Amino acid sequence: MKTRRSCRAFSDEMPGRELLEAVCEAGTYAPTGHGRQSPLIVAVTRRDVRDRLSRMNAAIWRRLGGHEGLPDDFDPFYGAPVILLVLADRTVPTWLYDGCAVLTNMANAAHAVGLDTCWIHRAAEEFESAEGKALLRELGIEGDYAGVDHLAIGFRSREIPGPRPRKEGYVRWVE
């Protein structure tokens, strides 16, 4: 875990299905509140769906004031060929925490099998929109699902900087 970093420059090489299945399986073993398993992992390898998510996400990023001056073709997934979208059943009180645990497990598992990842926000806004809800229907996903976030996944196209020093007082002991 000490060597895992967020990747913001992916090659367009598609990871093998076996590696992606191993990463997704790790997500299914994340802890969830009362064991209710509220999350749903949507493994997006189809380019048109991946690009649609990218356009939706970039539009939200601009609207929220992120990265002024972004080019029209900016890809908030940094070129990753695969997006692991995590949704969760919002009728379960712990849905957000459950989904975050799934994303964390998958990021660590990806690193363990030689893949790189970047956790990408704004899924909540994507799937509150009419377009996001329509996409879920098109994908056959029914229920009261909220977007938790995305994990862009693939192989890096350049070296990733090392870790920043850990802050003083990160851990406090009460003994």
C-alpha atoms as a PDB file:
ATOM      1  CA  MET A   1       0.000   0.000   0.000  1.00  0.00           C
ATOM      2  CA  LYS A   2       2.951   2.320   0.537  1.00  0.00           C
ATOM      3  CA  THR A   3       3.782   2.290  -3.168  1.00  0.00           C
ATOM      4  CA  ARG A   4       0.254   2.723  -4.623  1.00  0.00           C
ATOM      5  CA  ARG A   5      -0.258   6.137  -6.217  1.00  0.00           C
ATOM      6  CA  SER A   6      -2.963   7.795  -8.281  1.00  0.00           C
ATOM      7  CA  CYS A   7      -2.234   7.664 -12.003  1.00  0.00           C
ATOM      8  CA  ARG A   8      -3.152  10.617 -14.189  1.00  0.00           C
ATOM      9  CA  ALA A   9      -1.690   9.394 -17.476  1.00  0.00           C
ATOM     10  CA  PHE A  10      -2.879   6.042 -18.806  1.00  0.00           C
ATOM     11  CA  SER A  11      -1.898   4.143 -21.914  1.00  0.00           C
ATOM     12  CA  ASP A  12      -4.737   2.902 -24.078  1.00  0.00           C
ATOM     13  CA  GLU A  13      -3.672  -0.739 -23.582  1.00  0.00           C
ATOM     14  CA  MET A  14      -6.665  -2.728 -22.369  1.00  0.00           C
ATOM     15  CA  PRO A  15      -5.963  -4.814 -19.252  1.00  0.00           C
ATOM     16  CA  GLY A  16      -6.841  -8.502 -19.488  1.00  0.00           C
ATOM     17  CA  ARG A  17     -10.263  -9.611 -18.334  1.00  0.00           C
ATOM     18  CA  GLU A  18      -8.722 -11.862 -15.646  1.00  0.00           C
ATOM     19  CA  LEU A  19      -6.960  -8.922 -14.000  1.00  0.00           C
ATOM     20  CA  LEU A  20     -10.127  -6.821 -14.050  1.00  0.00           C
ATOM     21  CA  GLU A  21     -12.166  -9.680 -12.602  1.00  0.00           C
ATOM     22  CA  ALA A  22      -9.636 -10.060  -9.767  1.00  0.00           C
ATOM     23  CA  VAL A  23      -9.879  -6.343  -8.988  1.00  0.00           C
ATOM     24  CA  CYS A  24     -13.679  -6.404  -9.032  1.00  0.00           C
ATOM     25  CA  GLU A  25     -13.751  -9.496  -6.846  1.00  0.00           C
ATOM     26  CA  ALA A  26     -11.616  -7.674  -4.268  1.00  0.00           C
ATOM     27  CA  GLY A  27     -14.259  -4.948  -4.279  1.00  0.00           C
ATOM     28  CA  THR A  28     -16.969  -7.465  -3.458  1.00  0.00           C
ATOM     29  CA  TYR A  29     -15.104  -8.371  -0.264  1.00  0.00           C
ATOM     30  CA  ALA A  30     -15.056  -4.832   1.105  1.00  0.00           C
ATOM     31  CA  PRO A  31     -16.759  -4.381   4.462  1.00  0.00           C
ATOM     32  CA  THR A  32     -20.317  -3.078   4.272  1.00  0.00           C
ATOM     33  CA  GLY A  33     -22.684  -1.922   6.985  1.00  0.00           C
ATOM     34  CA  HIS A  34     -24.455  -4.904   8.546  1.00  0.00           C
ATOM     35  CA  GLY A  35     -23.114  -7.003   5.652  1.00  0.00           C
ATOM     36  CA  ARG A  36     -25.885  -5.630   3.412  1.00  0.00           C
ATOM     37  CA  GLN A  37     -23.602  -5.274   0.369  1.00  0.00           C
ATOM     38  CA  SER A  38     -25.275  -2.107  -0.871  1.00  0.00           C
ATOM     39  CA  PRO A  39     -22.749  -1.341  -3.667  1.00  0.00           C
ATOM     40  CA  LEU A  40     -22.870  -2.388  -7.292  1.00  0.00           C
ATOM     41  CA  ILE A  41     -19.724  -2.407  -9.440  1.00  0.00           C
ATOM     42  CA  VAL A  42     -20.230  -1.579 -13.114  1.00  0.00           C
ATOM     43  CA  ALA A  43     -17.119  -2.572 -15.090  1.00  0.00           C
ATOM     44  CA  VAL A  44     -17.120  -0.371 -18.194  1.00  0.00           C
ATOM     45  CA  THR A  45     -14.857  -1.606 -20.980  1.00  0.00           C
ATOM     46  CA  ARG A  46     -17.087  -0.504 -23.855  1.00  0.00           C
ATOM     47  CA  ARG A  47     -15.491   2.613 -25.335  1.00  0.00           C
ATOM     48  CA  ASP A  48     -18.715   4.457 -26.193  1.00  0.00           C
ATOM     49  CA  VAL A  49     -20.066   4.109 -22.630  1.00  0.00           C
ATOM     50  CA  ARG A  50     -16.687   5.022 -21.117  1.00  0.00           C
ATOM     51  CA  ASP A  51     -16.525   8.147 -23.318  1.00  0.00           C
ATOM     52  CA  ARG A  52     -20.104   9.083 -22.444  1.00  0.00           C
ATOM     53  CA  LEU A  53     -19.244   8.926 -18.738  1.00  0.00           C
ATOM     54  CA  SER A  54     -16.163  11.037 -19.424  1.00  0.00           C
ATOM     55  CA  ARG A  55     -18.185  13.748 -21.196  1.00  0.00           C
ATOM     56  CA  MET A  56     -20.789  13.807 -18.410  1.00  0.00           C
ATOM     57  CA  ASN A  57     -18.091  14.003 -15.759  1.00  0.00           C
ATOM     58  CA  ALA A  58     -16.144  16.767 -17.516  1.00  0.00           C
ATOM     59  CA  ALA A  59     -19.311  18.858 -17.916  1.00  0.00           C
ATOM     60  CA  ILE A  60     -20.014  18.577 -14.183  1.00  0.00           C
ATOM     61  CA  TRP A  61     -16.401  19.444 -13.338  1.00  0.00           C
ATOM     62  CA  ARG A  62     -16.648  22.603 -15.429  1.00  0.00           C
ATOM     63  CA  ARG A  63     -20.018  23.523 -13.919  1.00  0.00           C
ATOM     64  CA  LEU A  64     -18.623  23.105 -10.403  1.00  0.00           C
ATOM     65  CA  GLY A  65     -15.730  25.417 -11.271  1.00  0.00           C
ATOM     66  CA  GLY A  66     -13.024  22.785 -11.513  1.00  0.00           C
ATOM     67  CA  HIS A  67      -9.951  23.316 -13.660  1.00  0.00           C
ATOM     68  CA  GLU A  68     -10.769  26.550 -15.438  1.00  0.00           C
ATOM     69  CA  GLY A  69      -9.753  26.623 -19.052  1.00  0.00           C
ATOM     70  CA  LEU A  70     -10.142  22.914 -19.655  1.00  0.00           C
ATOM     71  CA  PRO A  71     -10.004  22.018 -23.346  1.00  0.00           C
ATOM     72  CA  ASP A  72     -13.293  20.894 -24.840  1.00  0.00           C
ATOM     73  CA  ASP A  73     -11.952  17.355 -25.198  1.00  0.00           C
ATOM     74  CA  PHE A  74     -10.605  17.107 -21.622  1.00  0.00           C
ATOM     75  CA  ASP A  75     -10.863  13.558 -20.275  1.00  0.00           C
ATOM     76  CA  PRO A  76     -11.307  13.471 -16.482  1.00  0.00           C
ATOM     77  CA  PHE A  77     -10.399   9.758 -16.645  1.00  0.00           C
ATOM     78  CA  TYR A  78      -6.910  10.607 -17.965  1.00  0.00           C
ATOM     79  CA  GLY A  79      -7.132   8.200 -20.877  1.00  0.00           C
ATOM     80  CA  ALA A  80      -7.851   5.079 -18.790  1.00  0.00           C
ATOM     81  CA  PRO A  81      -9.430   2.417 -21.013  1.00  0.00           C
ATOM     82  CA  VAL A  82     -11.566   0.972 -18.192  1.00  0.00           C
ATOM     83  CA  ILE A  83     -13.839   2.624 -15.652  1.00  0.00           C
ATOM     84  CA  LEU A  84     -15.051   0.755 -12.601  1.00  0.00           C
ATOM     85  CA  LEU A  85     -18.148   2.671 -11.610  1.00  0.00           C
ATOM     86  CA  VAL A  86     -19.419   2.123  -8.091  1.00  0.00           C
ATOM     87  CA  LEU A  87     -23.076   2.727  -7.351  1.00  0.00           C
ATOM     88  CA  ALA A  88     -24.824   1.954  -4.086  1.00  0.00           C
ATOM     89  CA  ASP A  89     -28.366   1.398  -2.919  1.00  0.00           C
ATOM     90  CA  ARG A  90     -29.234   4.647  -1.197  1.00  0.00           C
ATOM     91  CA  THR A  91     -31.942   2.957   0.887  1.00  0.00           C
ATOM     92  CA  VAL A  92     -29.117   1.421   2.951  1.00  0.00           C
ATOM     93  CA  PRO A  93     -27.949   3.994   5.530  1.00  0.00           C
ATOM     94  CA  THR A  94     -24.267   3.124   5.050  1.00  0.00           C
ATOM     95  CA  TRP A  95     -24.342   3.232   1.222  1.00  0.00           C
ATOM     96  CA  LEU A  96     -21.693   5.934   0.807  1.00  0.00           C
ATOM     97  CA  TYR A  97     -19.224   4.344   3.227  1.00  0.00           C
ATOM     98  CA  ASP A  98     -19.840   0.921   1.713  1.00  0.00           C
ATOM     99  CA  GLY A  99     -19.118   2.230  -1.772  1.00  0.00           C
ATOM    100  CA  CYS A 100     -15.934   3.979  -0.634  1.00  0.00           C
ATOM    101  CA  ALA A 101     -14.703   0.750   0.946  1.00  0.00           C
ATOM    102  CA  VAL A 102     -15.298  -1.040  -2.369  1.00  0.00           C
ATOM    103  CA  LEU A 103     -13.316   1.620  -4.258  1.00  0.00           C
ATOM    104  CA  THR A 104     -10.444   1.411  -1.768  1.00  0.00           C
ATOM    105  CA  ASN A 105     -10.290  -2.388  -1.962  1.00  0.00           C
ATOM    106  CA  MET A 106     -10.252  -2.249  -5.756  1.00  0.00           C
ATOM    107  CA  ALA A 107      -7.516   0.426  -5.885  1.00  0.00           C
ATOM    108  CA  ASN A 108      -5.289  -1.651  -3.614  1.00  0.00           C
ATOM    109  CA  ALA A 109      -6.050  -4.876  -5.495  1.00  0.00           C
ATOM    110  CA  ALA A 110      -5.289  -3.211  -8.835  1.00  0.00           C
ATOM    111  CA  HIS A 111      -1.902  -2.129  -7.561  1.00  0.00           C
ATOM    112  CA  ALA A 112      -1.224  -5.662  -6.326  1.00  0.00           C
ATOM    113  CA  VAL A 113      -1.812  -7.099  -9.824  1.00  0.00           C
ATOM    114  CA  GLY A 114       0.217  -4.435 -11.649  1.00  0.00           C
ATOM    115  CA  LEU A 115      -2.536  -2.039 -12.704  1.00  0.00           C
ATOM    116  CA  ASP A 116      -2.756   1.670 -12.014  1.00  0.00           C
ATOM    117  CA  THR A 117      -5.814   3.604 -10.858  1.00  0.00           C
ATOM    118  CA  CYS A 118      -7.184   7.020 -10.111  1.00  0.00           C
ATOM    119  CA  TRP A 119     -10.267   7.613  -7.978  1.00  0.00           C
ATOM    120  CA  ILE A 120     -12.482  10.043  -9.874  1.00  0.00           C
ATOM    121  CA  HIS A 121     -15.259  11.998  -8.185  1.00  0.00           C
ATOM    122  CA  ARG A 122     -18.556  13.455  -9.447  1.00  0.00           C
ATOM    123  CA  ALA A 123     -20.462  10.166  -9.904  1.00  0.00           C
ATOM    124  CA  ALA A 124     -23.112  11.425  -7.482  1.00  0.00           C
ATOM    125  CA  GLU A 125     -23.862  14.380  -9.746  1.00  0.00           C
ATOM    126  CA  GLU A 126     -23.696  12.238 -12.892  1.00  0.00           C
ATOM    127  CA  PHE A 127     -26.364   9.821 -11.702  1.00  0.00           C
ATOM    128  CA  GLU A 128     -28.635  12.469 -10.228  1.00  0.00           C
ATOM    129  CA  SER A 129     -28.945  13.929 -13.721  1.00  0.00           C
ATOM    130  CA  ALA A 130     -31.551  12.909 -16.292  1.00  0.00           C
ATOM    131  CA  GLU A 131     -28.781  11.666 -18.601  1.00  0.00           C
ATOM    132  CA  GLY A 132     -27.243   9.569 -15.824  1.00  0.00           C
ATOM    133  CA  LYS A 133     -30.587   8.042 -14.913  1.00  0.00           C
ATOM    134  CA  ALA A 134     -31.230   7.281 -18.581  1.00  0.00           C
ATOM    135  CA  LEU A 135     -27.833   5.584 -18.848  1.00  0.00           C
ATOM    136  CA  LEU A 136     -28.629   3.362 -15.864  1.00  0.00           C
ATOM    137  CA  ARG A 137     -31.911   2.346 -17.509  1.00  0.00           C
ATOM    138  CA  GLU A 138     -30.064   1.607 -20.779  1.00  0.00           C
ATOM    139  CA  LEU A 139     -27.642  -0.598 -18.843  1.00  0.00           C
ATOM    140  CA  GLY A 140     -30.549  -2.439 -17.182  1.00  0.00           C
ATOM    141  CA  ILE A 141     -29.769  -1.124 -13.705  1.00  0.00           C
ATOM    142  CA  GLU A 142     -32.918  -0.672 -11.659  1.00  0.00           C
ATOM    143  CA  GLY A 143     -33.363   0.424  -8.074  1.00  0.00           C
ATOM    144  CA  ASP A 144     -32.557   3.446  -5.981  1.00  0.00           C
ATOM    145  CA  TYR A 145     -28.850   3.644  -6.822  1.00  0.00           C
ATOM    146  CA  ALA A 146     -26.644   6.645  -6.190  1.00  0.00           C
ATOM    147  CA  GLY A 147     -23.296   7.237  -7.811  1.00  0.00           C
ATOM    148  CA  VAL A 148     -20.466   6.779  -5.310  1.00  0.00           C
ATOM    149  CA  ASP A 149     -17.463   7.326  -7.613  1.00  0.00           C
ATOM    150  CA  HIS A 150     -15.351   5.895 -10.412  1.00  0.00           C
ATOM    151  CA  LEU A 151     -12.037   4.098 -10.494  1.00  0.00           C
ATOM    152  CA  ALA A 152     -10.137   4.800 -13.706  1.00  0.00           C
ATOM    153  CA  ILE A 153      -7.967   1.729 -14.291  1.00  0.00           C
ATOM    154  CA  GLY A 154      -5.321   0.602 -16.734  1.00  0.00           C
ATOM    155  CA  PHE A 155      -1.568   0.821 -17.299  1.00  0.00           C
ATOM    156  CA  ARG A 156       0.351   4.044 -16.747  1.00  0.00           C
ATOM    157  CA  SER A 157       1.872   5.821 -19.711  1.00  0.00           C
ATOM    158  CA  ARG A 158       4.587   7.563 -17.676  1.00  0.00           C
ATOM    159  CA  GLU A 159       6.223   7.375 -14.277  1.00  0.00           C
ATOM    160  CA  ILE A 160       4.204   8.415 -11.247  1.00  0.00           C
ATOM    161  CA  PRO A 161       5.773  10.703  -8.621  1.00  0.00           C
ATOM    162  CA  GLY A 162       6.651   9.184  -5.266  1.00  0.00           C
ATOM    163  CA  PRO A 163       4.711   9.818  -2.084  1.00  0.00           C
ATOM    164  CA  ARG A 164       4.605  13.093  -0.247  1.00  0.00           C
ATOM    165  CA  PRO A 165       5.989  12.987   3.277  1.00  0.00           C
ATOM    166  CA  ARG A 166       3.357  12.004   5.839  1.00  0.00           C
ATOM    167  CA  LYS A 167       2.183  14.897   7.991  1.00  0.00           C
ATOM    168  CA  GLU A 168       3.234  15.245  11.614  1.00  0.00           C
ATOM    169  CA  GLY A 169       0.639  14.015  14.075  1.00  0.00           C
ATOM    170  CA  TYR A 170      -1.187  11.862  11.507  1.00  0.00           C
ATOM    171  CA  VAL A 171      -1.651   9.236  14.205  1.00  0.00           C
ATOM    172  CA  ARG A 172      -2.563  10.187  17.759  1.00  0.00           C
ATOM    173  CA  TRP A 173      -2.395   7.645  20.521  1.00  0.00           C
ATOM    174  CA  VAL A 174      -4.747   7.687  23.448  1.00  0.00           C
ATOM    175  CA  GLU A 175      -3.185   5.407  26.046  1.00  0.00           C
END
